[in-house]
Amino acid sequence: MHPLLNIAIKAARRAGSIINRAALDRTKLEIRSKQLNDFVTQVDKAAEAAIIDIIRQAYPDHAILGEESGALDGKSAGDGKKIDYRWIIDPLDGTMNYIHGLPQYCVSIGLQHRGALEHGVIYDPAKNELFTASKGRGAFLDDRRIRVTKCSQLKDALVGTGFPYKEMPRLDLYCRQLKEIMQAASGVRRTGSAALDLAYVAAGRLDAFWELGLSPWDVAAGALMVQEAGGLVGDLAGDSGYLEGSEIAAATPKVFPQLLTALK
């Protein structure tokens, strides 16, 4: 296993232990609203701090983008040295689920090298499921290779989605998309964790997924996972700008173009 992936796994499991320990008594959660319908707890912050600490110990020169900490430069960035590696971290994707004791949340860690996604880890601490992917080396659930399904028709597909709860001006657009997909697909599911939904596409539990109003830390690890599992990922135009934008679509190779057409 690649040393970089090993560090990502170590960090994800450390964060997962913090999340699980705090979940034993949710009455002690300190919940703060960051913006409309967007919440953070001390667990999010503690989990991210643990991840950053492990990364910094191993790779002090790497840059980091965390949901709670924002952009952090590497140790040598002040010397004018170009930083080739950037870690993209969501310490607790599905915070609302976590607050309510709904066991559908995860730790998501992606790593870019010169702008390209190289490694990804998604860890579900409630179910103790570890999804990993490395560019050119495939995607795995624990030690088992995973692949997207062979679904070839949108009408037969189970499609995951997420509500654009942070982008209410796009709610009307989303509702039109949802109506179209509900009529075109076999079924639609909304679980509350985009990272896990992407991992589920990679693992064949969903055939497709789309969402508006996302951030890089929501999708970095999961996008690589879908690609390494044989699926396709893009923005709603089918292009590769999903990390810079706020929307993503992912699906099996034959369903992907049908999904994009329906969303238009």
Protein backbone atom coordinates (compact mmCIF):
# COMPACT_ATOMS: atom_id res chain seq x y z
CA MET A 1 0.00 0.00 0.00
CA HIS A 2 1.26 3.49 -0.85
CA PRO A 3 2.68 5.39 2.17
CA LEU A 4 0.45 8.39 1.44
CA LEU A 5 -2.64 6.20 1.48
CA ASN A 6 -1.46 4.62 4.72
CA ILE A 7 -1.31 8.04 6.38
CA ALA A 8 -4.78 8.89 5.08
CA ILE A 9 -6.16 5.65 6.52
CA LYS A 10 -4.43 6.23 9.85
CA ALA A 11 -5.87 9.76 10.02
CA ALA A 12 -9.37 8.64 9.04
CA ARG A 13 -9.44 5.91 11.67
CA ARG A 14 -8.17 8.32 14.34
CA ALA A 15 -10.95 10.76 13.46
CA GLY A 16 -13.45 7.90 13.43
CA SER A 17 -12.51 6.91 16.98
CA ILE A 18 -13.14 10.48 18.14
CA ILE A 19 -16.52 10.48 16.39
CA ASN A 20 -17.55 7.12 17.83
CA ARG A 21 -16.50 8.03 21.36
CA ALA A 22 -18.52 11.24 21.30
CA ALA A 23 -21.52 9.43 19.83
CA LEU A 24 -21.88 7.46 23.08
CA ASP A 25 -23.38 10.58 24.70
CA ARG A 26 -24.82 13.00 22.18
CA THR A 27 -26.30 15.17 24.97
CA LYS A 28 -22.84 16.68 25.40
CA LEU A 29 -22.62 17.86 21.80
CA GLU A 30 -21.99 21.58 21.42
CA ILE A 31 -23.79 22.57 18.24
CA ARG A 32 -23.16 25.83 16.42
CA SER A 33 -24.72 27.14 13.21
CA LYS A 34 -22.18 28.21 10.58
CA GLN A 35 -24.85 29.41 8.15
CA LEU A 36 -28.40 28.52 7.16
CA ASN A 37 -28.91 24.77 7.64
CA ASP A 38 -25.18 24.20 8.16
CA PHE A 39 -24.00 23.07 11.59
CA VAL A 40 -20.70 22.22 13.27
CA THR A 41 -19.93 20.48 16.57
CA GLN A 42 -16.81 20.21 18.70
CA VAL A 43 -16.51 16.69 17.29
CA ASP A 44 -16.07 18.02 13.72
CA LYS A 45 -13.28 20.27 14.95
CA ALA A 46 -11.57 17.63 17.10
CA ALA A 47 -11.68 15.09 14.28
CA GLU A 48 -10.21 17.56 11.80
CA ALA A 49 -7.47 18.58 14.25
CA ALA A 50 -6.53 14.91 14.68
CA ILE A 51 -6.36 14.39 10.92
CA ILE A 52 -4.23 17.49 10.41
CA ASP A 53 -1.89 16.47 13.23
CA ILE A 54 -1.21 13.08 11.66
CA ILE A 55 -0.66 14.61 8.21
CA ARG A 56 1.61 17.33 9.57
CA GLN A 57 3.75 14.80 11.44
CA ALA A 58 4.31 12.77 8.28
CA TYR A 59 4.28 15.49 5.61
CA PRO A 60 4.81 18.98 7.10
CA ASP A 61 5.33 20.55 3.67
CA HIS A 62 1.96 19.51 2.26
CA ALA A 63 -0.92 21.96 1.92
CA ILE A 64 -4.29 21.19 3.51
CA LEU A 65 -7.85 22.26 2.76
CA GLY A 66 -10.21 21.41 5.60
CA GLU A 67 -13.91 22.14 5.99
CA GLU A 68 -13.38 23.65 9.44
CA SER A 69 -9.81 25.00 9.16
CA GLY A 70 -9.89 26.33 5.61
CA ALA A 71 -6.73 26.48 3.51
CA LEU A 72 -3.46 25.79 5.31
CA ASP A 73 -0.10 26.17 3.61
CA GLY A 74 2.72 23.70 3.98
CA LYS A 75 5.68 24.45 6.21
CA SER A 76 7.93 25.58 3.36
CA ALA A 77 5.32 27.59 1.44
CA GLY A 78 6.65 30.82 2.90
CA ASP A 79 9.99 30.15 1.24
CA GLY A 80 8.37 30.40 -2.18
CA LYS A 81 8.55 26.65 -2.72
CA LYS A 82 5.71 25.24 -4.78
CA ILE A 83 3.55 22.78 -2.84
CA ASP A 84 2.70 19.82 -5.06
CA TYR A 85 0.46 17.99 -2.58
CA ARG A 86 -2.84 19.12 -1.11
CA TRP A 87 -5.00 17.16 1.32
CA ILE A 88 -8.76 17.83 1.13
CA ILE A 89 -10.54 16.95 4.37
CA ASP A 90 -14.10 16.60 5.57
CA PRO A 91 -13.78 15.35 9.16
CA LEU A 92 -17.49 14.54 9.50
CA ASP A 93 -19.60 14.49 6.36
CA GLY A 94 -23.20 14.17 7.49
CA THR A 95 -23.05 16.29 10.64
CA MET A 96 -26.83 16.70 10.76
CA ASN A 97 -27.26 12.93 10.72
CA TYR A 98 -24.65 12.62 13.45
CA ILE A 99 -26.34 15.20 15.66
CA HIS A 100 -29.58 13.21 15.48
CA GLY A 101 -27.99 9.80 15.96
CA LEU A 102 -28.71 8.70 12.40
CA PRO A 103 -25.78 6.40 11.56
CA GLN A 104 -25.06 7.71 8.08
CA TYR A 105 -21.90 9.86 8.19
CA CYS A 106 -18.23 9.48 7.43
CA VAL A 107 -14.70 10.85 7.39
CA SER A 108 -13.52 11.86 3.91
CA ILE A 109 -9.87 12.50 2.99
CA GLY A 110 -8.67 13.15 -0.56
CA LEU A 111 -5.13 13.91 -1.74
CA GLN A 112 -4.20 15.87 -4.84
CA HIS A 113 -0.81 15.82 -6.52
CA ARG A 114 -0.27 18.80 -8.83
CA GLY A 115 -4.01 19.28 -9.09
CA ALA A 116 -4.91 15.66 -9.86
CA LEU A 117 -6.61 13.40 -7.34
CA GLU A 118 -4.21 10.61 -6.34
CA HIS A 119 -5.63 8.95 -3.22
CA GLY A 120 -8.95 8.87 -1.39
CA VAL A 121 -10.24 7.44 1.86
CA ILE A 122 -13.83 7.39 3.09
CA TYR A 123 -14.33 5.84 6.51
CA ASP A 124 -17.74 5.07 7.97
CA PRO A 125 -17.09 4.78 11.73
CA ALA A 126 -20.64 3.69 12.58
CA LYS A 127 -20.38 0.61 10.33
CA ASN A 128 -16.57 0.30 10.44
CA GLU A 129 -16.39 0.33 6.64
CA LEU A 130 -13.23 1.63 5.00
CA PHE A 131 -13.37 2.69 1.34
CA THR A 132 -10.04 3.46 -0.34
CA ALA A 133 -8.82 4.34 -3.82
CA SER A 134 -5.52 5.19 -5.48
CA LYS A 135 -5.15 6.51 -9.01
CA GLY A 136 -4.57 3.63 -11.40
CA ARG A 137 -4.79 1.02 -8.63
CA GLY A 138 -8.53 0.55 -8.21
CA ALA A 139 -11.03 1.08 -5.40
CA PHE A 140 -11.59 -1.12 -2.37
CA LEU A 141 -14.00 -1.69 0.50
CA ASP A 142 -11.78 -2.96 3.28
CA ASP A 143 -9.69 -5.56 1.37
CA ARG A 144 -12.23 -6.30 -1.35
CA ARG A 145 -12.05 -4.75 -4.82
CA ILE A 146 -15.21 -2.85 -5.69
CA ARG A 147 -16.77 -1.95 -9.04
CA VAL A 148 -19.74 0.10 -10.16
CA THR A 149 -22.77 -1.90 -11.26
CA LYS A 150 -23.44 -3.01 -14.82
CA CYS A 151 -26.63 -0.94 -14.93
CA SER A 152 -27.01 0.45 -18.46
CA GLN A 153 -30.37 2.22 -18.36
CA LEU A 154 -31.44 5.14 -16.19
CA LYS A 155 -34.90 3.60 -15.95
CA ASP A 156 -33.37 0.68 -14.03
CA ALA A 157 -31.09 2.80 -11.84
CA LEU A 158 -31.21 3.52 -8.13
CA VAL A 159 -30.05 7.14 -7.89
CA GLY A 160 -28.68 8.95 -4.86
CA THR A 161 -29.03 12.67 -4.34
CA GLY A 162 -28.71 15.47 -1.80
CA PHE A 163 -30.76 18.61 -1.22
CA PRO A 164 -29.08 21.99 -1.94
CA TYR A 165 -29.79 23.12 1.63
CA LYS A 166 -27.01 25.75 1.54
CA GLU A 167 -28.10 27.15 -1.83
CA MET A 168 -31.79 27.89 -1.47
CA PRO A 169 -31.90 30.05 -4.64
CA ARG A 170 -31.25 26.83 -6.61
CA LEU A 171 -34.04 24.92 -4.88
CA ASP A 172 -36.49 25.44 -7.74
CA LEU A 173 -33.95 24.08 -10.22
CA TYR A 174 -33.27 21.12 -7.96
CA CYS A 175 -36.97 20.35 -7.55
CA ARG A 176 -37.37 20.24 -11.33
CA GLN A 177 -34.38 17.91 -11.56
CA LEU A 178 -35.73 15.70 -8.78
CA LYS A 179 -39.11 15.41 -10.50
CA GLU A 180 -37.42 14.44 -13.76
CA ILE A 181 -35.19 11.80 -12.15
CA MET A 182 -38.06 10.36 -10.09
CA GLN A 183 -39.98 9.86 -13.33
CA ALA A 184 -36.98 8.55 -15.28
CA ALA A 185 -35.22 6.27 -12.76
CA SER A 186 -36.18 3.17 -10.81
CA GLY A 187 -35.76 4.93 -7.44
CA VAL A 188 -34.21 7.91 -5.67
CA ARG A 189 -32.54 7.97 -2.25
CA ARG A 190 -31.32 10.88 -0.09
CA THR A 191 -29.08 9.74 2.79
CA GLY A 192 -27.44 12.99 3.92
CA SER A 193 -23.76 12.29 3.18
CA ALA A 194 -22.45 13.06 -0.31
CA ALA A 195 -19.11 11.36 0.35
CA LEU A 196 -20.79 8.11 1.38
CA ASP A 197 -23.17 8.31 -1.57
CA LEU A 198 -20.20 8.48 -3.94
CA ALA A 199 -18.57 5.56 -2.14
CA TYR A 200 -21.84 3.67 -2.56
CA VAL A 201 -21.81 4.31 -6.31
CA ALA A 202 -18.28 2.91 -6.40
CA ALA A 203 -19.36 -0.12 -4.39
CA GLY A 204 -22.45 -0.81 -6.51
CA ARG A 205 -24.97 0.12 -3.82
CA LEU A 206 -26.19 3.01 -5.98
CA ASP A 207 -26.08 3.24 -9.77
CA ALA A 208 -25.81 7.04 -9.92
CA PHE A 209 -25.66 10.21 -7.83
CA TRP A 210 -26.03 13.95 -8.28
CA GLU A 211 -26.09 16.97 -5.99
CA LEU A 212 -25.89 20.76 -6.06
CA GLY A 213 -24.30 23.08 -3.50
CA LEU A 214 -21.24 21.01 -2.61
CA SER A 215 -17.65 21.88 -1.63
CA PRO A 216 -14.35 20.19 -2.62
CA TRP A 217 -14.12 18.30 0.69
CA ASP A 218 -17.52 16.72 0.04
CA VAL A 219 -16.46 15.06 -3.21
CA ALA A 220 -12.67 14.80 -3.56
CA ALA A 221 -12.22 11.27 -2.16
CA GLY A 222 -15.52 9.96 -3.50
CA ALA A 223 -14.97 11.20 -7.05
CA LEU A 224 -11.67 9.33 -7.31
CA MET A 225 -13.33 6.26 -5.81
CA VAL A 226 -16.06 6.19 -8.47
CA GLN A 227 -13.51 6.62 -11.27
CA GLU A 228 -11.27 3.86 -9.93
CA ALA A 229 -14.32 1.60 -9.64
CA GLY A 230 -15.04 2.06 -13.35
CA GLY A 231 -17.61 4.85 -13.18
CA LEU A 232 -17.75 8.36 -14.62
CA VAL A 233 -17.76 11.66 -12.72
CA GLY A 234 -18.28 15.24 -13.85
CA ASP A 235 -20.15 18.45 -13.26
CA LEU A 236 -23.64 18.72 -14.73
CA ALA A 237 -22.14 19.59 -18.11
CA GLY A 238 -20.09 16.41 -17.99
CA ASP A 239 -16.84 18.32 -17.54
CA SER A 240 -14.12 17.88 -14.91
CA GLY A 241 -14.80 21.07 -12.94
CA TYR A 242 -16.64 19.44 -10.04
CA LEU A 243 -13.91 20.32 -7.51
CA GLU A 244 -13.92 24.01 -8.47
CA GLY A 245 -17.70 24.24 -8.84
CA SER A 246 -20.51 23.20 -6.53
CA GLU A 247 -22.22 20.37 -8.40
CA ILE A 248 -21.42 16.79 -9.26
CA ALA A 249 -22.85 13.83 -11.13
CA ALA A 250 -21.53 10.27 -11.00
CA ALA A 251 -22.79 7.03 -12.50
CA THR A 252 -22.00 3.84 -14.34
CA PRO A 253 -20.53 4.55 -17.80
CA LYS A 254 -23.77 3.96 -19.71
CA VAL A 255 -26.07 5.67 -17.21
CA PHE A 256 -23.88 8.78 -16.88
CA PRO A 257 -24.87 10.46 -20.20
CA GLN A 258 -28.53 9.59 -19.60
CA LEU A 259 -28.35 11.15 -16.12
CA LEU A 260 -26.84 14.37 -17.52
CA THR A 261 -29.50 14.57 -20.22
CA ALA A 262 -32.29 14.15 -17.67
CA LEU A 263 -30.77 16.80 -15.38
CA LYS A 264 -30.70 19.33 -18.20
